[in-house]
Amino acid sequence: MTQNAAIARRLLSVLSEEERLYVELKSLLQEERALMVARDADNLDRIVAQKEALASEGRLLEECRRKVMNEMGATFGLPKGEVTLSRLCALLEDEGAELRAVHGRMVALASAVRELLEANANFAGEALMRVQSTLRLLGRLLPDQPTYEAHPSPTGQQPSARPGRLVQQAV
């Protein structure tokens, strides 16, 4: 087995783990969308915790992948900043067939995950805008002066007791 073949095996191992992670993340994002639609806050908290754990694992896997790719790139005389998986696959020629297959799947998964992230962020953003709009509307519906006071202040009203203050602070 050549040096590049041994490094390619290690790279395949890392990429397989990254692929597994992206498949899990895709599934979590789909579940997150369903939970947002259902307004299931308890399970959304669980999903967020799982996504955070996957993100941490993903950072470690990416660091490992970059290290192995740079090691392989060095065998081809590539500078660190110019090592890409596509370039390595091309340089490996026939030996890079498995890497090309995993690379193709990773590109598709990354695209699907990005689309789901954007869709979920847009959905959450729209929901937040509706809540903020409702809070602003509720703040305008409250009277400026209290209808009655148990102990009226000499100035008529204390700033901290003004109606709608909590709603206005939230907006």
N, C-alpha and C. Protein backbone atom coordinates (compact mmCIF):
# COMPACT_ATOMS: atom_id res chain seq x y z
N MET A 1 0.85 -1.17 0.00
CA MET A 1 0.00 0.00 0.00
C MET A 1 0.90 1.24 0.00
N THR A 2 0.61 2.15 -0.91
CA THR A 2 1.41 3.37 -1.00
C THR A 2 1.07 4.32 0.16
N GLN A 3 1.94 5.30 0.33
CA GLN A 3 1.71 6.28 1.39
C GLN A 3 0.39 7.01 1.16
N ASN A 4 0.12 7.38 -0.10
CA ASN A 4 -1.14 8.08 -0.41
C ASN A 4 -2.34 7.18 -0.18
N ALA A 5 -2.22 5.90 -0.46
CA ALA A 5 -3.33 4.98 -0.23
C ALA A 5 -3.64 4.88 1.26
N ALA A 6 -2.61 4.85 2.10
CA ALA A 6 -2.81 4.77 3.55
C ALA A 6 -3.47 6.06 4.05
N ILE A 7 -3.02 7.19 3.55
CA ILE A 7 -3.62 8.47 3.96
C ILE A 7 -5.06 8.55 3.45
N ALA A 8 -5.28 8.06 2.23
CA ALA A 8 -6.63 8.06 1.66
C ALA A 8 -7.59 7.24 2.51
N ARG A 9 -7.13 6.11 3.05
CA ARG A 9 -7.95 5.27 3.94
C ARG A 9 -8.35 6.06 5.19
N ARG A 10 -7.38 6.78 5.77
CA ARG A 10 -7.68 7.59 6.96
C ARG A 10 -8.67 8.70 6.61
N LEU A 11 -8.47 9.31 5.45
CA LEU A 11 -9.37 10.37 5.01
C LEU A 11 -10.78 9.83 4.77
N LEU A 12 -10.86 8.65 4.18
CA LEU A 12 -12.18 8.01 3.99
C LEU A 12 -12.88 7.76 5.31
N SER A 13 -12.12 7.35 6.30
CA SER A 13 -12.68 7.09 7.62
C SER A 13 -13.27 8.38 8.22
N VAL A 14 -12.52 9.47 8.13
CA VAL A 14 -12.99 10.75 8.65
C VAL A 14 -14.22 11.22 7.87
N LEU A 15 -14.15 11.11 6.55
CA LEU A 15 -15.27 11.55 5.72
C LEU A 15 -16.53 10.72 5.98
N SER A 16 -16.37 9.44 6.25
CA SER A 16 -17.52 8.60 6.58
C SER A 16 -18.19 9.06 7.87
N GLU A 17 -17.39 9.46 8.84
CA GLU A 17 -17.93 9.98 10.09
C GLU A 17 -18.63 11.32 9.85
N GLU A 18 -18.03 12.16 9.02
CA GLU A 18 -18.67 13.44 8.69
C GLU A 18 -19.99 13.21 7.95
N GLU A 19 -20.00 12.24 7.08
CA GLU A 19 -21.23 11.92 6.35
C GLU A 19 -22.32 11.47 7.32
N ARG A 20 -21.96 10.61 8.26
CA ARG A 20 -22.92 10.16 9.28
C ARG A 20 -23.47 11.35 10.05
N LEU A 21 -22.57 12.27 10.42
CA LEU A 21 -22.96 13.45 11.16
C LEU A 21 -23.94 14.31 10.35
N TYR A 22 -23.67 14.53 9.08
CA TYR A 22 -24.55 15.33 8.24
C TYR A 22 -25.92 14.66 8.06
N VAL A 23 -25.94 13.35 7.97
CA VAL A 23 -27.22 12.63 7.87
C VAL A 23 -28.02 12.85 9.15
N GLU A 24 -27.36 12.75 10.31
CA GLU A 24 -28.03 12.99 11.59
C GLU A 24 -28.53 14.43 11.68
N LEU A 25 -27.70 15.37 11.27
CA LEU A 25 -28.07 16.77 11.33
C LEU A 25 -29.27 17.06 10.42
N LYS A 26 -29.27 16.47 9.25
CA LYS A 26 -30.39 16.64 8.31
C LYS A 26 -31.67 16.14 8.95
N SER A 27 -31.61 14.99 9.57
CA SER A 27 -32.77 14.42 10.25
C SER A 27 -33.24 15.32 11.40
N LEU A 28 -32.29 15.84 12.18
CA LEU A 28 -32.64 16.74 13.28
C LEU A 28 -33.30 18.02 12.77
N LEU A 29 -32.79 18.56 11.69
CA LEU A 29 -33.36 19.79 11.14
C LEU A 29 -34.78 19.56 10.62
N GLN A 30 -35.03 18.40 10.05
CA GLN A 30 -36.39 18.07 9.60
C GLN A 30 -37.32 17.95 10.81
N GLU A 31 -36.83 17.31 11.86
CA GLU A 31 -37.61 17.18 13.09
C GLU A 31 -37.83 18.55 13.73
N GLU A 32 -36.80 19.39 13.71
CA GLU A 32 -36.92 20.73 14.27
C GLU A 32 -38.03 21.51 13.58
N ARG A 33 -38.10 21.42 12.28
CA ARG A 33 -39.15 22.13 11.52
C ARG A 33 -40.53 21.66 11.95
N ALA A 34 -40.69 20.36 12.07
CA ALA A 34 -41.99 19.82 12.50
C ALA A 34 -42.34 20.29 13.91
N LEU A 35 -41.36 20.36 14.79
CA LEU A 35 -41.60 20.81 16.16
C LEU A 35 -41.91 22.31 16.21
N MET A 36 -41.29 23.10 15.33
CA MET A 36 -41.60 24.53 15.28
C MET A 36 -43.04 24.73 14.82
N VAL A 37 -43.46 23.97 13.83
CA VAL A 37 -44.82 24.07 13.33
C VAL A 37 -45.80 23.67 14.43
N ALA A 38 -45.45 22.64 15.20
CA ALA A 38 -46.31 22.16 16.28
C ALA A 38 -46.17 23.01 17.55
N ARG A 39 -45.22 23.93 17.56
CA ARG A 39 -44.95 24.80 18.73
C ARG A 39 -44.66 23.96 19.97
N ASP A 40 -43.81 22.96 19.79
CA ASP A 40 -43.43 22.05 20.87
C ASP A 40 -42.09 22.49 21.45
N ALA A 41 -42.15 23.45 22.39
CA ALA A 41 -40.94 24.06 22.94
C ALA A 41 -40.07 23.06 23.70
N ASP A 42 -40.67 22.14 24.43
CA ASP A 42 -39.89 21.19 25.20
C ASP A 42 -39.00 20.34 24.30
N ASN A 43 -39.57 19.82 23.24
CA ASN A 43 -38.77 18.99 22.34
C ASN A 43 -37.84 19.83 21.47
N LEU A 44 -38.18 21.09 21.24
CA LEU A 44 -37.25 21.97 20.52
C LEU A 44 -35.98 22.17 21.33
N ASP A 45 -36.11 22.27 22.66
CA ASP A 45 -34.93 22.38 23.52
C ASP A 45 -34.04 21.15 23.36
N ARG A 46 -34.65 19.98 23.27
CA ARG A 46 -33.90 18.74 23.10
C ARG A 46 -33.16 18.75 21.76
N ILE A 47 -33.84 19.20 20.72
CA ILE A 47 -33.24 19.25 19.38
C ILE A 47 -32.06 20.22 19.37
N VAL A 48 -32.23 21.37 20.01
CA VAL A 48 -31.15 22.36 20.06
C VAL A 48 -29.92 21.77 20.75
N ALA A 49 -30.13 21.06 21.84
CA ALA A 49 -29.00 20.44 22.55
C ALA A 49 -28.31 19.40 21.66
N GLN A 50 -29.09 18.62 20.93
CA GLN A 50 -28.51 17.62 20.04
C GLN A 50 -27.74 18.29 18.89
N LYS A 51 -28.29 19.38 18.36
CA LYS A 51 -27.60 20.10 17.28
C LYS A 51 -26.28 20.68 17.79
N GLU A 52 -26.28 21.20 19.01
CA GLU A 52 -25.04 21.74 19.58
C GLU A 52 -23.98 20.66 19.73
N ALA A 53 -24.41 19.49 20.17
CA ALA A 53 -23.47 18.37 20.31
C ALA A 53 -22.92 17.96 18.95
N LEU A 54 -23.78 17.89 17.95
CA LEU A 54 -23.32 17.55 16.60
C LEU A 54 -22.39 18.62 16.04
N ALA A 55 -22.67 19.88 16.33
CA ALA A 55 -21.81 20.97 15.85
C ALA A 55 -20.41 20.84 16.46
N SER A 56 -20.35 20.51 17.74
CA SER A 56 -19.04 20.32 18.39
C SER A 56 -18.29 19.15 17.76
N GLU A 57 -19.00 18.07 17.56
CA GLU A 57 -18.38 16.90 16.92
C GLU A 57 -17.95 17.24 15.50
N GLY A 58 -18.76 18.00 14.80
CA GLY A 58 -18.45 18.40 13.43
C GLY A 58 -17.19 19.24 13.34
N ARG A 59 -17.01 20.14 14.31
CA ARG A 59 -15.79 20.96 14.32
C ARG A 59 -14.55 20.07 14.49
N LEU A 60 -14.65 19.08 15.36
CA LEU A 60 -13.52 18.16 15.56
C LEU A 60 -13.24 17.34 14.30
N LEU A 61 -14.30 16.85 13.68
CA LEU A 61 -14.12 16.06 12.46
C LEU A 61 -13.55 16.92 11.34
N GLU A 62 -14.00 18.15 11.22
CA GLU A 62 -13.48 19.03 10.18
C GLU A 62 -12.00 19.30 10.40
N GLU A 63 -11.62 19.53 11.64
CA GLU A 63 -10.21 19.76 11.97
C GLU A 63 -9.37 18.54 11.60
N CYS A 64 -9.88 17.37 11.92
CA CYS A 64 -9.17 16.13 11.60
C CYS A 64 -9.08 15.94 10.09
N ARG A 65 -10.19 16.20 9.39
CA ARG A 65 -10.19 16.05 7.93
C ARG A 65 -9.17 16.99 7.30
N ARG A 66 -9.14 18.23 7.74
CA ARG A 66 -8.19 19.20 7.18
C ARG A 66 -6.74 18.74 7.41
N LYS A 67 -6.48 18.21 8.60
CA LYS A 67 -5.14 17.74 8.93
C LYS A 67 -4.72 16.61 7.98
N VAL A 68 -5.62 15.64 7.79
CA VAL A 68 -5.30 14.50 6.92
C VAL A 68 -5.18 14.97 5.47
N MET A 69 -6.06 15.87 5.05
CA MET A 69 -5.98 16.39 3.67
C MET A 69 -4.67 17.14 3.44
N ASN A 70 -4.26 17.94 4.43
CA ASN A 70 -2.99 18.68 4.30
C ASN A 70 -1.81 17.72 4.25
N GLU A 71 -1.91 16.64 5.02
CA GLU A 71 -0.85 15.62 4.99
C GLU A 71 -0.76 15.00 3.60
N MET A 72 -1.92 14.67 3.03
CA MET A 72 -1.92 14.09 1.69
C MET A 72 -1.47 15.12 0.66
N GLY A 73 -1.93 16.35 0.81
CA GLY A 73 -1.53 17.40 -0.12
C GLY A 73 -0.03 17.60 -0.12
N ALA A 74 0.60 17.47 1.05
CA ALA A 74 2.05 17.62 1.15
C ALA A 74 2.77 16.56 0.33
N THR A 75 2.21 15.35 0.23
CA THR A 75 2.85 14.30 -0.57
C THR A 75 2.82 14.65 -2.06
N PHE A 76 1.87 15.52 -2.45
CA PHE A 76 1.78 15.97 -3.84
C PHE A 76 2.46 17.32 -4.04
N GLY A 77 3.00 17.87 -2.95
CA GLY A 77 3.68 19.16 -3.04
C GLY A 77 2.75 20.36 -3.04
N LEU A 78 1.51 20.16 -2.56
CA LEU A 78 0.55 21.27 -2.52
C LEU A 78 0.74 22.10 -1.25
N PRO A 79 0.68 23.42 -1.38
CA PRO A 79 0.72 24.25 -0.17
C PRO A 79 -0.58 24.06 0.63
N LYS A 80 -0.50 24.25 1.95
CA LYS A 80 -1.65 24.03 2.84
C LYS A 80 -2.93 24.71 2.37
N GLY A 81 -2.86 25.94 1.98
CA GLY A 81 -4.05 26.70 1.61
C GLY A 81 -4.70 26.26 0.31
N GLU A 82 -4.04 25.41 -0.45
CA GLU A 82 -4.57 25.01 -1.76
C GLU A 82 -5.06 23.57 -1.80
N VAL A 83 -5.17 22.93 -0.65
CA VAL A 83 -5.59 21.53 -0.60
C VAL A 83 -7.11 21.47 -0.48
N THR A 84 -7.73 20.90 -1.50
CA THR A 84 -9.18 20.66 -1.45
C THR A 84 -9.42 19.18 -1.74
N LEU A 85 -10.56 18.71 -1.33
CA LEU A 85 -10.90 17.31 -1.57
C LEU A 85 -11.01 17.04 -3.07
N SER A 86 -11.58 17.97 -3.81
CA SER A 86 -11.70 17.80 -5.27
C SER A 86 -10.32 17.66 -5.91
N ARG A 87 -9.41 18.50 -5.48
CA ARG A 87 -8.06 18.47 -6.05
C ARG A 87 -7.35 17.17 -5.72
N LEU A 88 -7.50 16.71 -4.48
CA LEU A 88 -6.88 15.43 -4.08
C LEU A 88 -7.45 14.27 -4.88
N CYS A 89 -8.77 14.28 -5.06
CA CYS A 89 -9.40 13.20 -5.84
C CYS A 89 -8.83 13.17 -7.26
N ALA A 90 -8.66 14.35 -7.85
CA ALA A 90 -8.11 14.41 -9.21
C ALA A 90 -6.68 13.91 -9.24
N LEU A 91 -5.89 14.28 -8.24
CA LEU A 91 -4.48 13.86 -8.21
C LEU A 91 -4.33 12.36 -7.95
N LEU A 92 -5.28 11.78 -7.23
CA LEU A 92 -5.21 10.34 -6.94
C LEU A 92 -5.62 9.48 -8.13
N GLU A 93 -6.25 10.07 -9.11
CA GLU A 93 -6.73 9.38 -10.31
C GLU A 93 -7.58 8.17 -9.93
N ASP A 94 -7.21 6.96 -10.36
CA ASP A 94 -8.03 5.77 -10.10
C ASP A 94 -8.13 5.44 -8.61
N GLU A 95 -7.07 5.73 -7.85
CA GLU A 95 -7.08 5.45 -6.42
C GLU A 95 -8.10 6.32 -5.67
N GLY A 96 -8.54 7.40 -6.29
CA GLY A 96 -9.45 8.33 -5.63
C GLY A 96 -10.92 8.08 -5.89
N ALA A 97 -11.28 6.93 -6.48
CA ALA A 97 -12.68 6.66 -6.82
C ALA A 97 -13.59 6.69 -5.58
N GLU A 98 -13.16 6.04 -4.51
CA GLU A 98 -13.98 6.03 -3.28
C GLU A 98 -14.11 7.43 -2.70
N LEU A 99 -13.00 8.16 -2.72
CA LEU A 99 -13.03 9.54 -2.21
C LEU A 99 -13.98 10.40 -3.03
N ARG A 100 -13.97 10.22 -4.35
CA ARG A 100 -14.88 10.99 -5.21
C ARG A 100 -16.34 10.68 -4.89
N ALA A 101 -16.64 9.42 -4.61
CA ALA A 101 -18.01 9.03 -4.29
C ALA A 101 -18.46 9.67 -2.97
N VAL A 102 -17.60 9.60 -1.97
CA VAL A 102 -17.93 10.21 -0.67
C VAL A 102 -18.03 11.73 -0.84
N HIS A 103 -17.13 12.32 -1.61
CA HIS A 103 -17.14 13.76 -1.85
C HIS A 103 -18.48 14.18 -2.47
N GLY A 104 -18.95 13.43 -3.44
CA GLY A 104 -20.24 13.73 -4.08
C GLY A 104 -21.39 13.68 -3.09
N ARG A 105 -21.40 12.65 -2.26
CA ARG A 105 -22.46 12.53 -1.25
C ARG A 105 -22.39 13.67 -0.25
N MET A 106 -21.17 14.04 0.15
CA MET A 106 -20.99 15.12 1.13
C MET A 106 -21.47 16.46 0.56
N VAL A 107 -21.19 16.72 -0.70
CA VAL A 107 -21.65 17.96 -1.32
C VAL A 107 -23.18 18.00 -1.32
N ALA A 108 -23.81 16.90 -1.67
CA ALA A 108 -25.28 16.85 -1.68
C ALA A 108 -25.85 17.01 -0.28
N LEU A 109 -25.24 16.34 0.70
CA LEU A 109 -25.71 16.46 2.08
C LEU A 109 -25.53 17.87 2.62
N ALA A 110 -24.38 18.46 2.35
CA ALA A 110 -24.11 19.82 2.82
C ALA A 110 -25.13 20.80 2.23
N SER A 111 -25.46 20.61 0.98
CA SER A 111 -26.45 21.47 0.33
C SER A 111 -27.83 21.30 0.96
N ALA A 112 -28.21 20.05 1.22
CA ALA A 112 -29.51 19.79 1.84
C ALA A 112 -29.57 20.37 3.25
N VAL A 113 -28.50 20.23 4.01
CA VAL A 113 -28.44 20.76 5.37
C VAL A 113 -28.52 22.28 5.34
N ARG A 114 -27.80 22.91 4.42
CA ARG A 114 -27.83 24.37 4.31
C ARG A 114 -29.25 24.86 3.99
N GLU A 115 -29.93 24.17 3.06
CA GLU A 115 -31.30 24.55 2.71
C GLU A 115 -32.23 24.41 3.91
N LEU A 116 -32.09 23.32 4.66
CA LEU A 116 -32.93 23.13 5.85
C LEU A 116 -32.65 24.18 6.91
N LEU A 117 -31.37 24.50 7.12
CA LEU A 117 -31.01 25.54 8.09
C LEU A 117 -31.64 26.87 7.70
N GLU A 118 -31.55 27.22 6.43
CA GLU A 118 -32.11 28.49 5.96
C GLU A 118 -33.63 28.49 6.09
N ALA A 119 -34.26 27.38 5.73
CA ALA A 119 -35.72 27.29 5.82
C ALA A 119 -36.18 27.41 7.28
N ASN A 120 -35.50 26.72 8.19
CA ASN A 120 -35.86 26.80 9.61
C ASN A 120 -35.63 28.20 10.16
N ALA A 121 -34.52 28.82 9.77
CA ALA A 121 -34.24 30.18 10.23
C ALA A 121 -35.29 31.16 9.71
N ASN A 122 -35.69 31.00 8.46
CA ASN A 122 -36.74 31.86 7.89
C ASN A 122 -38.06 31.65 8.61
N PHE A 123 -38.40 30.40 8.86
CA PHE A 123 -39.65 30.10 9.56
C PHE A 123 -39.64 30.71 10.96
N ALA A 124 -38.54 30.53 11.69
CA ALA A 124 -38.43 31.08 13.04
C ALA A 124 -38.45 32.61 12.99
N GLY A 125 -37.79 33.21 12.00
CA GLY A 125 -37.79 34.66 11.86
C GLY A 125 -39.17 35.22 11.60
N GLU A 126 -39.93 34.54 10.75
CA GLU A 126 -41.30 34.98 10.46
C GLU A 126 -42.17 34.87 11.71
N ALA A 127 -42.00 33.80 12.46
CA ALA A 127 -42.77 33.63 13.69
C ALA A 127 -42.42 34.71 14.70
N LEU A 128 -41.14 35.03 14.80
CA LEU A 128 -40.70 36.09 15.71
C LEU A 128 -41.29 37.44 15.30
N MET A 129 -41.31 37.72 14.01
CA MET A 129 -41.89 38.98 13.54
C MET A 129 -43.37 39.06 13.89
N ARG A 130 -44.10 37.94 13.77
CA ARG A 130 -45.52 37.93 14.12
C ARG A 130 -45.71 38.20 15.61
N VAL A 131 -44.87 37.60 16.44
CA VAL A 131 -44.96 37.82 17.89
C VAL A 131 -44.65 39.28 18.21
N GLN A 132 -43.59 39.83 17.63
CA GLN A 132 -43.24 41.22 17.88
C GLN A 132 -44.34 42.16 17.42
N SER A 133 -44.93 41.87 16.29
CA SER A 133 -46.03 42.69 15.78
C SER A 133 -47.22 42.65 16.73
N THR A 134 -47.52 41.47 17.23
CA THR A 134 -48.62 41.33 18.19
C THR A 134 -48.33 42.10 19.46
N LEU A 135 -47.10 42.02 19.95
CA LEU A 135 -46.74 42.76 21.16
C LEU A 135 -46.83 44.27 20.95
N ARG A 136 -46.41 44.74 19.78
CA ARG A 136 -46.54 46.17 19.49
C ARG A 136 -48.01 46.58 19.46
N LEU A 137 -48.84 45.76 18.82
CA LEU A 137 -50.26 46.04 18.74
C LEU A 137 -50.87 46.06 20.14
N LEU A 138 -50.52 45.11 20.96
CA LEU A 138 -51.05 45.07 22.33
C LEU A 138 -50.60 46.29 23.12
N GLY A 139 -49.38 46.74 22.91
CA GLY A 139 -48.89 47.92 23.60
C GLY A 139 -49.67 49.16 23.21
N ARG A 140 -50.10 49.26 21.97
CA ARG A 140 -50.89 50.41 21.51
C ARG A 140 -52.32 50.35 22.01
N LEU A 141 -52.82 49.16 22.28
CA LEU A 141 -54.20 49.02 22.72
C LEU A 141 -54.38 49.37 24.19
N LEU A 142 -53.31 49.38 24.95
CA LEU A 142 -53.41 49.69 26.37
C LEU A 142 -53.57 51.19 26.56
N PRO A 143 -54.40 51.60 27.52
CA PRO A 143 -54.59 53.03 27.75
C PRO A 143 -53.32 53.65 28.33
N ASP A 144 -53.10 54.93 28.01
CA ASP A 144 -51.95 55.65 28.56
C ASP A 144 -52.15 55.96 30.03
N GLN A 145 -53.36 56.23 30.44
CA GLN A 145 -53.67 56.56 31.83
C GLN A 145 -54.40 55.40 32.48
N PRO A 146 -54.08 55.11 33.72
CA PRO A 146 -54.79 54.03 34.40
C PRO A 146 -56.26 54.38 34.60
N THR A 147 -57.09 53.37 34.56
CA THR A 147 -58.52 53.58 34.77
C THR A 147 -58.79 53.99 36.20
N TYR A 148 -58.10 53.38 37.13
CA TYR A 148 -58.20 53.76 38.53
C TYR A 148 -56.90 53.43 39.21
N GLU A 149 -56.68 54.05 40.37
CA GLU A 149 -55.49 53.79 41.16
C GLU A 149 -55.89 53.64 42.61
N ALA A 150 -55.30 52.69 43.29
CA ALA A 150 -55.59 52.52 44.71
C ALA A 150 -55.03 53.69 45.50
N HIS A 151 -53.82 54.09 45.22
CA HIS A 151 -53.17 55.21 45.88
C HIS A 151 -52.56 56.11 44.82
N PRO A 152 -53.31 57.07 44.32
CA PRO A 152 -52.76 57.91 43.25
C PRO A 152 -51.52 58.66 43.71
N SER A 153 -50.54 58.74 42.83
CA SER A 153 -49.32 59.48 43.15
C SER A 153 -49.57 60.96 42.89
N PRO A 154 -48.75 61.83 43.51
CA PRO A 154 -48.97 63.26 43.32
C PRO A 154 -48.86 63.69 41.86
N THR A 155 -48.03 63.05 41.10
CA THR A 155 -47.87 63.43 39.69
C THR A 155 -48.87 62.71 38.80
N GLY A 156 -49.64 61.86 39.35
CA GLY A 156 -50.65 61.15 38.56
C GLY A 156 -50.28 59.72 38.27
N GLN A 157 -49.00 59.47 38.02
CA GLN A 157 -48.60 58.08 37.70
C GLN A 157 -47.10 57.93 37.83
N GLN A 158 -46.70 56.80 38.37
CA GLN A 158 -45.28 56.49 38.49
C GLN A 158 -44.81 55.89 37.17
N PRO A 159 -43.61 56.27 36.70
CA PRO A 159 -43.13 55.74 35.42
C PRO A 159 -43.04 54.23 35.42
N SER A 160 -42.68 53.62 36.53
CA SER A 160 -42.53 52.17 36.54
C SER A 160 -43.86 51.44 36.54
N ALA A 161 -44.95 52.15 36.84
CA ALA A 161 -46.25 51.50 36.90
C ALA A 161 -47.10 51.83 35.68
N ARG A 162 -46.52 52.43 34.66
CA ARG A 162 -47.27 52.81 33.48
C ARG A 162 -47.82 51.58 32.77
N PRO A 163 -49.08 51.59 32.33
CA PRO A 163 -49.65 50.43 31.63
C PRO A 163 -48.85 50.13 30.35
N GLY A 164 -48.74 48.88 30.06
CA GLY A 164 -48.05 48.46 28.83
C GLY A 164 -46.55 48.47 28.94
N ARG A 165 -46.00 48.81 30.09
CA ARG A 165 -44.54 48.92 30.23
C ARG A 165 -43.85 47.59 29.94
N LEU A 166 -44.38 46.49 30.46
CA LEU A 166 -43.74 45.19 30.22
C LEU A 166 -43.81 44.81 28.76
N VAL A 167 -44.95 45.08 28.13
CA VAL A 167 -45.08 44.76 26.72
C VAL A 167 -44.11 45.61 25.90
N GLN A 168 -44.00 46.88 26.23
CA GLN A 168 -43.12 47.78 25.47
C GLN A 168 -41.65 47.39 25.68
N GLN A 169 -41.30 46.93 26.88
CA GLN A 169 -39.93 46.51 27.13
C GLN A 169 -39.57 45.27 26.34
N ALA A 170 -40.53 44.39 26.14
CA ALA A 170 -40.28 43.14 25.42
C ALA A 170 -40.03 43.41 23.93
N VAL A 171 -40.57 44.46 23.41
CA VAL A 171 -40.43 44.76 21.99
C VAL A 171 -39.18 45.46 21.77
